[in-house]
Amino acid sequence: MIIDEVQTGLGRTGHFWAIYGGLYEQEKVIPDFLVLGKGMSAGIYPISTCSYKPFIEKAIFKDDPFIHIS
């Protein structure tokens, strides 16, 4: 499951991660991917990040560890 916290993350909903104010509390949903941006630089510089579980990292980087660097 991918949770997009670009608009809602980093405290904009009253919780550091918006998922903990809704889906996690009700359904105990734990994302495989967590995507965020915008609030990381307060809109000054375009920046984003994607965090993921270790099993996904092993699948992505098994052949070439530098394939997703920009």
PDB file of N, CA and C in Angstrom:
ATOM      1  N   MET A   1       0.833  -1.168   0.000  1.00  0.00           N
ATOM      2  CA  MET A   1       0.000   0.000   0.000  1.00  0.00           C
ATOM      3  C   MET A   1       0.884   1.239   0.000  1.00  0.00           C
ATOM      4  N   ILE A   2       0.516   2.196  -0.792  1.00  0.00           N
ATOM      5  CA  ILE A   2       1.249   3.459  -0.881  1.00  0.00           C
ATOM      6  C   ILE A   2       0.413   4.553  -0.218  1.00  0.00           C
ATOM      7  N   ILE A   3       1.012   5.247   0.731  1.00  0.00           N
ATOM      8  CA  ILE A   3       0.357   6.376   1.388  1.00  0.00           C
ATOM      9  C   ILE A   3       1.034   7.651   0.899  1.00  0.00           C
ATOM     10  N   ASP A   4       0.251   8.543   0.318  1.00  0.00           N
ATOM     11  CA  ASP A   4       0.756   9.810  -0.210  1.00  0.00           C
ATOM     12  C   ASP A   4       0.514  10.908   0.822  1.00  0.00           C
ATOM     13  N   GLU A   5       1.582  11.341   1.484  1.00  0.00           N
ATOM     14  CA  GLU A   5       1.493  12.380   2.505  1.00  0.00           C
ATOM     15  C   GLU A   5       2.072  13.704   1.991  1.00  0.00           C
ATOM     16  N   VAL A   6       2.135  13.876   0.677  1.00  0.00           N
ATOM     17  CA  VAL A   6       2.697  15.103   0.108  1.00  0.00           C
ATOM     18  C   VAL A   6       1.893  16.318   0.575  1.00  0.00           C
ATOM     19  N   GLN A   7       0.588  16.256   0.508  1.00  0.00           N
ATOM     20  CA  GLN A   7      -0.265  17.382   0.906  1.00  0.00           C
ATOM     21  C   GLN A   7      -0.558  17.393   2.405  1.00  0.00           C
ATOM     22  N   THR A   8      -0.616  16.218   3.029  1.00  0.00           N
ATOM     23  CA  THR A   8      -1.148  16.125   4.392  1.00  0.00           C
ATOM     24  C   THR A   8      -0.119  15.832   5.470  1.00  0.00           C
ATOM     25  N   GLY A   9       1.095  15.478   5.101  1.00  0.00           N
ATOM     26  CA  GLY A   9       2.088  15.071   6.091  1.00  0.00           C
ATOM     27  C   GLY A   9       2.762  16.216   6.813  1.00  0.00           C
ATOM     28  N   LEU A  10       3.608  15.866   7.768  1.00  0.00           N
ATOM     29  CA  LEU A  10       4.417  16.804   8.548  1.00  0.00           C
ATOM     30  C   LEU A  10       3.575  17.783   9.366  1.00  0.00           C
ATOM     31  N   GLY A  11       2.524  17.275   9.975  1.00  0.00           N
ATOM     32  CA  GLY A  11       1.746  18.051  10.929  1.00  0.00           C
ATOM     33  C   GLY A  11       0.613  18.888  10.375  1.00  0.00           C
ATOM     34  N   ARG A  12       0.357  18.838   9.105  1.00  0.00           N
ATOM     35  CA  ARG A  12      -0.687  19.699   8.517  1.00  0.00           C
ATOM     36  C   ARG A  12      -2.100  19.310   8.933  1.00  0.00           C
ATOM     37  N   THR A  13      -2.292  18.099   9.424  1.00  0.00           N
ATOM     38  CA  THR A  13      -3.626  17.659   9.851  1.00  0.00           C
ATOM     39  C   THR A  13      -3.740  17.572  11.368  1.00  0.00           C
ATOM     40  N   GLY A  14      -2.714  18.006  12.072  1.00  0.00           N
ATOM     41  CA  GLY A  14      -2.704  17.895  13.523  1.00  0.00           C
ATOM     42  C   GLY A  14      -1.923  16.690  14.014  1.00  0.00           C
ATOM     43  N   HIS A  15      -1.588  15.787  13.118  1.00  0.00           N
ATOM     44  CA  HIS A  15      -0.748  14.625  13.405  1.00  0.00           C
ATOM     45  C   HIS A  15       0.482  14.731  12.512  1.00  0.00           C
ATOM     46  N   PHE A  16       1.632  14.265  13.001  1.00  0.00           N
ATOM     47  CA  PHE A  16       2.833  14.367  12.176  1.00  0.00           C
ATOM     48  C   PHE A  16       2.629  13.659  10.842  1.00  0.00           C
ATOM     49  N   TRP A  17       2.078  12.448  10.896  1.00  0.00           N
ATOM     50  CA  TRP A  17       1.683  11.727   9.685  1.00  0.00           C
ATOM     51  C   TRP A  17       0.170  11.675   9.679  1.00  0.00           C
ATOM     52  N   ALA A  18      -0.469  12.085   8.604  1.00  0.00           N
ATOM     53  CA  ALA A  18      -1.931  12.108   8.530  1.00  0.00           C
ATOM     54  C   ALA A  18      -2.529  10.716   8.674  1.00  0.00           C
ATOM     55  N   ILE A  19      -1.809   9.689   8.255  1.00  0.00           N
ATOM     56  CA  ILE A  19      -2.328   8.324   8.371  1.00  0.00           C
ATOM     57  C   ILE A  19      -2.631   7.965   9.822  1.00  0.00           C
ATOM     58  N   TYR A  20      -1.874   8.517  10.766  1.00  0.00           N
ATOM     59  CA  TYR A  20      -2.102   8.177  12.171  1.00  0.00           C
ATOM     60  C   TYR A  20      -3.300   8.900  12.756  1.00  0.00           C
ATOM     61  N   GLY A  21      -3.906   9.802  12.022  1.00  0.00           N
ATOM     62  CA  GLY A  21      -5.129  10.438  12.461  1.00  0.00           C
ATOM     63  C   GLY A  21      -6.366   9.794  11.859  1.00  0.00           C
ATOM     64  N   GLY A  22      -6.195   8.780  11.037  1.00  0.00           N
ATOM     65  CA  GLY A  22      -7.346   8.195  10.350  1.00  0.00           C
ATOM     66  C   GLY A  22      -7.222   6.707  10.126  1.00  0.00           C
ATOM     67  N   LEU A  23      -6.605   6.326   9.007  1.00  0.00           N
ATOM     68  CA  LEU A  23      -6.541   4.913   8.626  1.00  0.00           C
ATOM     69  C   LEU A  23      -5.893   4.030   9.681  1.00  0.00           C
ATOM     70  N   TYR A  24      -4.795   4.471  10.254  1.00  0.00           N
ATOM     71  CA  TYR A  24      -4.102   3.628  11.228  1.00  0.00           C
ATOM     72  C   TYR A  24      -4.951   3.437  12.477  1.00  0.00           C
ATOM     73  N   GLU A  25      -5.584   4.508  12.944  1.00  0.00           N
ATOM     74  CA  GLU A  25      -6.408   4.433  14.150  1.00  0.00           C
ATOM     75  C   GLU A  25      -7.602   3.498  13.953  1.00  0.00           C
ATOM     76  N   GLN A  26      -8.226   3.544  12.785  1.00  0.00           N
ATOM     77  CA  GLN A  26      -9.442   2.772  12.540  1.00  0.00           C
ATOM     78  C   GLN A  26      -9.158   1.352  12.063  1.00  0.00           C
ATOM     79  N   GLU A  27      -8.227   1.204  11.144  1.00  0.00           N
ATOM     80  CA  GLU A  27      -8.018  -0.080  10.469  1.00  0.00           C
ATOM     81  C   GLU A  27      -6.658  -0.710  10.737  1.00  0.00           C
ATOM     82  N   LYS A  28      -5.776  -0.026  11.462  1.00  0.00           N
ATOM     83  CA  LYS A  28      -4.403  -0.489  11.724  1.00  0.00           C
ATOM     84  C   LYS A  28      -3.632  -0.714  10.424  1.00  0.00           C
ATOM     85  N   VAL A  29      -3.827   0.176   9.463  1.00  0.00           N
ATOM     86  CA  VAL A  29      -3.145   0.112   8.170  1.00  0.00           C
ATOM     87  C   VAL A  29      -1.700   0.565   8.343  1.00  0.00           C
ATOM     88  N   ILE A  30      -0.767  -0.231   7.842  1.00  0.00           N
ATOM     89  CA  ILE A  30       0.649   0.124   7.855  1.00  0.00           C
ATOM     90  C   ILE A  30       1.120   0.137   6.401  1.00  0.00           C
ATOM     91  N   PRO A  31       1.569   1.281   5.893  1.00  0.00           N
ATOM     92  CA  PRO A  31       1.917   1.378   4.472  1.00  0.00           C
ATOM     93  C   PRO A  31       3.223   0.670   4.125  1.00  0.00           C
ATOM     94  N   ASP A  32       3.321   0.222   2.868  1.00  0.00           N
ATOM     95  CA  ASP A  32       4.576  -0.304   2.339  1.00  0.00           C
ATOM     96  C   ASP A  32       5.451   0.849   1.853  1.00  0.00           C
ATOM     97  N   PHE A  33       4.819   1.873   1.288  1.00  0.00           N
ATOM     98  CA  PHE A  33       5.500   3.087   0.827  1.00  0.00           C
ATOM     99  C   PHE A  33       4.886   4.290   1.531  1.00  0.00           C
ATOM    100  N   LEU A  34       5.717   5.259   1.873  1.00  0.00           N
ATOM    101  CA  LEU A  34       5.247   6.533   2.418  1.00  0.00           C
ATOM    102  C   LEU A  34       5.928   7.635   1.620  1.00  0.00           C
ATOM    103  N   VAL A  35       5.136   8.450   0.932  1.00  0.00           N
ATOM    104  CA  VAL A  35       5.660   9.493   0.056  1.00  0.00           C
ATOM    105  C   VAL A  35       5.365  10.846   0.682  1.00  0.00           C
ATOM    106  N   LEU A  36       6.375  11.730   0.764  1.00  0.00           N
ATOM    107  CA  LEU A  36       6.127  13.085   1.224  1.00  0.00           C
ATOM    108  C   LEU A  36       6.976  14.098   0.517  1.00  0.00           C
ATOM    109  N   GLY A  37       6.596  15.349   0.685  1.00  0.00           N
ATOM    110  CA  GLY A  37       7.287  16.466   0.051  1.00  0.00           C
ATOM    111  C   GLY A  37       6.669  17.770   0.502  1.00  0.00           C
ATOM    112  N   LYS A  38       6.852  18.796  -0.261  1.00  0.00           N
ATOM    113  CA  LYS A  38       6.333  20.145  -0.023  1.00  0.00           C
ATOM    114  C   LYS A  38       6.677  20.672   1.356  1.00  0.00           C
ATOM    115  N   GLY A  39       6.090  20.148   2.411  1.00  0.00           N
ATOM    116  CA  GLY A  39       6.325  20.652   3.756  1.00  0.00           C
ATOM    117  C   GLY A  39       7.744  20.463   4.251  1.00  0.00           C
ATOM    118  N   MET A  40       8.516  19.625   3.591  1.00  0.00           N
ATOM    119  CA  MET A  40       9.902  19.384   4.011  1.00  0.00           C
ATOM    120  C   MET A  40      10.761  20.631   3.856  1.00  0.00           C
ATOM    121  N   SER A  41      10.432  21.486   2.898  1.00  0.00           N
ATOM    122  CA  SER A  41      11.229  22.699   2.686  1.00  0.00           C
ATOM    123  C   SER A  41      10.390  23.965   2.822  1.00  0.00           C
ATOM    124  N   ALA A  42       9.186  23.834   3.346  1.00  0.00           N
ATOM    125  CA  ALA A  42       8.270  24.965   3.519  1.00  0.00           C
ATOM    126  C   ALA A  42       7.987  25.683   2.200  1.00  0.00           C
ATOM    127  N   GLY A  43       8.022  24.953   1.096  1.00  0.00           N
ATOM    128  CA  GLY A  43       7.720  25.534  -0.200  1.00  0.00           C
ATOM    129  C   GLY A  43       8.838  26.351  -0.817  1.00  0.00           C
ATOM    130  N   ILE A  44      10.001  26.382  -0.184  1.00  0.00           N
ATOM    131  CA  ILE A  44      11.116  27.175  -0.697  1.00  0.00           C
ATOM    132  C   ILE A  44      11.859  26.443  -1.807  1.00  0.00           C
ATOM    133  N   TYR A  45      12.055  25.152  -1.639  1.00  0.00           N
ATOM    134  CA  TYR A  45      12.821  24.362  -2.598  1.00  0.00           C
ATOM    135  C   TYR A  45      12.050  23.079  -2.874  1.00  0.00           C
ATOM    136  N   PRO A  46      11.931  22.654  -4.129  1.00  0.00           N
ATOM    137  CA  PRO A  46      11.198  21.424  -4.422  1.00  0.00           C
ATOM    138  C   PRO A  46      11.969  20.190  -3.947  1.00  0.00           C
ATOM    139  N   ILE A  47      11.412  19.493  -2.993  1.00  0.00           N
ATOM    140  CA  ILE A  47      12.052  18.305  -2.436  1.00  0.00           C
ATOM    141  C   ILE A  47      10.972  17.285  -2.082  1.00  0.00           C
ATOM    142  N   SER A  48      11.310  16.024  -2.175  1.00  0.00           N
ATOM    143  CA  SER A  48      10.376  14.967  -1.790  1.00  0.00           C
ATOM    144  C   SER A  48      11.174  13.739  -1.373  1.00  0.00           C
ATOM    145  N   THR A  49      10.481  12.795  -0.775  1.00  0.00           N
ATOM    146  CA  THR A  49      11.119  11.552  -0.372  1.00  0.00           C
ATOM    147  C   THR A  49      10.119  10.410  -0.452  1.00  0.00           C
ATOM    148  N   CYS A  50      10.638   9.227  -0.586  1.00  0.00           N
ATOM    149  CA  CYS A  50       9.829   8.017  -0.594  1.00  0.00           C
ATOM    150  C   CYS A  50      10.483   7.030   0.363  1.00  0.00           C
ATOM    151  N   SER A  51       9.772   6.658   1.396  1.00  0.00           N
ATOM    152  CA  SER A  51      10.273   5.672   2.355  1.00  0.00           C
ATOM    153  C   SER A  51       9.538   4.363   2.113  1.00  0.00           C
ATOM    154  N   TYR A  52      10.224   3.247   2.335  1.00  0.00           N
ATOM    155  CA  TYR A  52       9.613   1.960   2.059  1.00  0.00           C
ATOM    156  C   TYR A  52      10.173   0.908   2.995  1.00  0.00           C
ATOM    157  N   LYS A  53       9.494  -0.231   3.015  1.00  0.00           N
ATOM    158  CA  LYS A  53       9.874  -1.342   3.887  1.00  0.00           C
ATOM    159  C   LYS A  53      11.116  -2.044   3.337  1.00  0.00           C
ATOM    160  N   PRO A  54      11.870  -2.710   4.209  1.00  0.00           N
ATOM    161  CA  PRO A  54      13.115  -3.370   3.782  1.00  0.00           C
ATOM    162  C   PRO A  54      12.939  -4.400   2.666  1.00  0.00           C
ATOM    163  N   PHE A  55      11.836  -5.141   2.641  1.00  0.00           N
ATOM    164  CA  PHE A  55      11.680  -6.152   1.592  1.00  0.00           C
ATOM    165  C   PHE A  55      11.551  -5.503   0.216  1.00  0.00           C
ATOM    166  N   ILE A  56      11.031  -4.298   0.147  1.00  0.00           N
ATOM    167  CA  ILE A  56      10.936  -3.585  -1.128  1.00  0.00           C
ATOM    168  C   ILE A  56      12.314  -3.103  -1.556  1.00  0.00           C
ATOM    169  N   GLU A  57      13.098  -2.640  -0.605  1.00  0.00           N
ATOM    170  CA  GLU A  57      14.471  -2.213  -0.907  1.00  0.00           C
ATOM    171  C   GLU A  57      15.270  -3.358  -1.517  1.00  0.00           C
ATOM    172  N   LYS A  58      15.135  -4.542  -0.970  1.00  0.00           N
ATOM    173  CA  LYS A  58      15.864  -5.701  -1.505  1.00  0.00           C
ATOM    174  C   LYS A  58      15.448  -6.004  -2.940  1.00  0.00           C
ATOM    175  N   ALA A  59      14.171  -5.865  -3.241  1.00  0.00           N
ATOM    176  CA  ALA A  59      13.686  -6.131  -4.597  1.00  0.00           C
ATOM    177  C   ALA A  59      14.152  -5.065  -5.590  1.00  0.00           C
ATOM    178  N   ILE A  60      14.183  -3.806  -5.164  1.00  0.00           N
ATOM    179  CA  ILE A  60      14.564  -2.713  -6.063  1.00  0.00           C
ATOM    180  C   ILE A  60      16.059  -2.715  -6.347  1.00  0.00           C
ATOM    181  N   PHE A  61      16.865  -2.875  -5.315  1.00  0.00           N
ATOM    182  CA  PHE A  61      18.309  -2.687  -5.439  1.00  0.00           C
ATOM    183  C   PHE A  61      19.110  -3.979  -5.555  1.00  0.00           C
ATOM    184  N   LYS A  62      18.481  -5.100  -5.827  1.00  0.00           N
ATOM    185  CA  LYS A  62      19.212  -6.362  -5.854  1.00  0.00           C
ATOM    186  C   LYS A  62      20.237  -6.437  -6.986  1.00  0.00           C
ATOM    187  N   ASP A  63      19.956  -5.833  -8.145  1.00  0.00           N
ATOM    188  CA  ASP A  63      20.883  -5.906  -9.271  1.00  0.00           C
ATOM    189  C   ASP A  63      21.834  -4.716  -9.343  1.00  0.00           C
ATOM    190  N   ASP A  64      21.307  -3.522  -9.195  1.00  0.00           N
ATOM    191  CA  ASP A  64      22.109  -2.309  -9.324  1.00  0.00           C
ATOM    192  C   ASP A  64      21.717  -1.322  -8.226  1.00  0.00           C
ATOM    193  N   PRO A  65      22.553  -1.155  -7.210  1.00  0.00           N
ATOM    194  CA  PRO A  65      22.174  -0.301  -6.079  1.00  0.00           C
ATOM    195  C   PRO A  65      22.047   1.181  -6.423  1.00  0.00           C
ATOM    196  N   PHE A  66      22.515   1.612  -7.579  1.00  0.00           N
ATOM    197  CA  PHE A  66      22.464   3.031  -7.933  1.00  0.00           C
ATOM    198  C   PHE A  66      21.417   3.341  -8.999  1.00  0.00           C
ATOM    199  N   ILE A  67      20.495   2.453  -9.224  1.00  0.00           N
ATOM    200  CA  ILE A  67      19.527   2.623 -10.304  1.00  0.00           C
ATOM    201  C   ILE A  67      18.534   3.761 -10.053  1.00  0.00           C
ATOM    202  N   HIS A  68      18.252   4.113  -8.794  1.00  0.00           N
ATOM    203  CA  HIS A  68      17.224   5.117  -8.503  1.00  0.00           C
ATOM    204  C   HIS A  68      17.789   6.388  -7.893  1.00  0.00           C
ATOM    205  N   ILE A  69      19.011   6.716  -8.186  1.00  0.00           N
ATOM    206  CA  ILE A  69      19.614   7.937  -7.657  1.00  0.00           C
ATOM    207  C   ILE A  69      19.554   9.017  -8.726  1.00  0.00           C
ATOM    208  N   SER A  70      19.142  10.211  -8.322  1.00  0.00           N
ATOM    209  CA  SER A  70      19.139  11.318  -9.284  1.00  0.00           C
ATOM    210  C   SER A  70      19.743  12.554  -8.654  1.00  0.00           C
TER     211      SER A  70
END
